[in-house]
Protein backbone atom coordinates (compact mmCIF):
# COMPACT_ATOMS: atom_id res chain seq x y z
CA MET A 1 55.01 144.54 109.35
CA ASN A 2 57.90 146.23 110.99
CA SER A 3 61.52 145.43 110.61
CA VAL A 4 61.86 143.96 114.14
CA MET A 5 59.16 141.38 113.51
CA LYS A 6 60.79 140.39 110.13
CA PHE A 7 64.04 139.89 111.93
CA ARG A 8 62.37 137.70 114.62
CA TYR A 9 60.88 135.62 111.91
CA ARG A 10 64.03 135.12 110.20
CA ILE A 11 65.84 134.10 113.35
CA LEU A 12 62.76 131.79 114.19
CA ALA A 13 63.01 130.19 110.73
CA LEU A 14 66.80 129.69 111.07
CA LEU A 15 66.32 127.95 114.47
CA VAL A 16 63.50 125.78 113.07
CA LEU A 17 65.79 124.79 110.15
CA GLY A 18 68.74 124.07 112.49
CA VAL A 19 66.45 121.75 114.60
CA ILE A 20 65.14 119.87 111.47
CA LEU A 21 68.81 119.50 110.15
CA SER A 22 70.02 118.29 113.55
CA ALA A 23 67.14 115.65 113.76
CA ALA A 24 67.81 114.32 110.25
CA THR A 25 71.54 114.05 111.04
CA TYR A 26 70.75 112.28 114.12
CA GLY A 27 68.38 109.95 112.48
CA PHE A 28 71.02 108.98 109.86
CA ALA A 29 73.65 108.52 112.49
CA ALA A 30 71.41 106.35 114.59
CA ALA A 31 70.58 104.11 111.78
CA ASN A 32 74.18 102.79 111.57
CA SER A 33 74.76 99.21 113.00
CA VAL A 34 77.90 97.62 113.72
CA PRO A 35 78.34 93.82 114.27
CA ASP A 36 79.61 92.48 117.59
CA GLY A 37 83.37 91.77 117.83
CA VAL A 38 85.82 90.26 119.97
CA ALA A 39 89.01 91.96 121.24
CA GLY A 40 91.42 91.16 124.06
CA GLU A 41 94.89 90.91 125.31
CA GLY A 42 96.82 88.04 126.92
CA SER A 43 100.38 86.63 127.38
CA GLY A 44 102.03 83.36 127.10
CA ALA A 45 105.45 81.81 127.15
CA ILE A 46 107.48 81.39 123.94
CA SER A 47 110.01 78.70 124.29
CA GLY A 48 112.42 77.48 121.60
CA TYR A 49 112.60 74.17 119.75
CA THR A 50 115.60 71.94 120.05
CA VAL A 51 116.88 70.84 116.52
CA SER A 52 118.74 67.67 116.33
CA ASN A 53 119.68 65.10 113.68
CA VAL A 54 120.71 67.73 111.10
CA VAL A 55 121.63 66.00 107.70
CA TYR A 56 122.73 68.10 104.80
CA THR A 57 122.40 66.59 101.23
CA LEU A 58 124.74 67.99 98.56
CA ASP A 59 123.62 68.57 94.96
CA SER A 60 124.59 65.52 92.98
CA SER A 61 125.42 67.46 89.81
CA ASP A 62 127.47 70.17 91.72
CA PRO A 63 128.67 69.05 95.26
CA THR A 64 129.69 72.68 95.97
CA GLN A 65 126.01 73.35 96.55
CA PHE A 66 123.24 72.22 98.95
CA ALA A 67 120.30 70.14 97.65
CA SER A 68 118.65 69.81 101.04
CA VAL A 69 118.75 69.80 104.73
CA ALA A 70 116.74 67.57 107.08
CA PHE A 71 116.39 67.84 110.81
CA THR A 72 114.21 66.67 113.78
CA LEU A 73 112.37 69.25 116.23
CA ASP A 74 111.76 68.20 119.77
CA ALA A 75 108.02 69.13 119.48
CA ASN A 76 105.50 69.29 116.85
CA ALA A 77 105.32 72.17 114.53
CA SER A 78 103.11 73.28 111.73
CA ASP A 79 104.95 75.90 109.91
CA VAL A 80 108.80 75.43 109.36
CA TYR A 81 111.36 77.55 107.50
CA ALA A 82 115.19 76.95 107.31
CA GLY A 83 117.85 79.39 106.39
CA ILE A 84 121.45 78.65 105.38
CA GLY A 85 123.71 81.53 105.85
CA ASN A 86 127.25 82.81 105.19
CA GLY A 87 127.53 85.51 107.83
CA SER A 88 125.97 88.24 105.74
CA VAL A 89 123.38 86.49 103.68
CA ILE A 90 120.77 84.01 104.70
CA TYR A 91 118.70 82.05 102.18
CA TRP A 92 115.38 81.12 103.65
CA THR A 93 113.23 78.24 102.35
CA SER A 94 109.99 76.56 103.44
CA CYS A 95 110.25 72.88 104.79
CA ALA A 96 108.04 69.87 104.20
CA GLY A 97 107.30 67.02 106.54
CA GLY A 98 106.11 67.02 110.14
CA PRO A 99 105.06 67.08 112.70
CA THR A 100 108.71 66.79 114.03
CA ASN A 101 110.83 65.56 111.01
CA PHE A 102 111.41 68.09 108.35
CA THR A 103 113.26 68.43 104.97
CA CYS A 104 113.95 71.73 103.26
CA ASP A 105 114.88 72.17 99.71
CA LEU A 106 118.03 74.22 99.19
CA THR A 107 118.59 73.85 95.40
CA SER A 108 117.92 77.41 94.91
CA SER A 109 120.33 78.59 97.69
CA THR A 110 122.82 81.33 96.82
CA VAL A 111 124.97 80.26 99.78
CA SER A 112 127.59 77.61 98.81
CA VAL A 113 128.69 74.64 100.92
CA ALA A 114 132.09 76.41 101.31
CA ALA A 115 130.68 79.66 102.57
CA ALA A 116 127.97 78.34 104.85
CA ILE A 117 128.59 78.93 108.45
CA GLU A 118 125.03 78.89 109.95
CA LEU A 119 121.83 77.14 109.93
CA HIS A 120 118.64 78.91 111.16
CA VAL A 121 115.34 77.30 111.77
CA SER A 122 112.07 79.21 112.39
CA SER A 123 108.96 77.22 113.39
CA VAL A 124 105.70 77.64 115.02
CA GLN A 125 103.38 75.14 116.64
């Protein structure tokens, strides 16, 4: 067999191998399945709550510290946090109660009564 024929057989063999590998790769790729999903985008207004009836309770053993704060929101809320701050530090804590009246434990607050200048309320419906 001459060298030209050997060269052609080698090229043909490489082409056949390439086709086989391509088909096998495609077969594995085609076997993947992905479950249906949901995606989307939308918009909606975010309005704030009105906080009223704020009542602070002092710690009975140390009246320079807070024990709790209670307040009323003007609409139902499910997740409520309160923060007492001194202008540079805000101590955040979760609140209990609902759907409009909440009490928040401030016994671990690092902000004293004398230093407190702000109350923050964060809530979601």
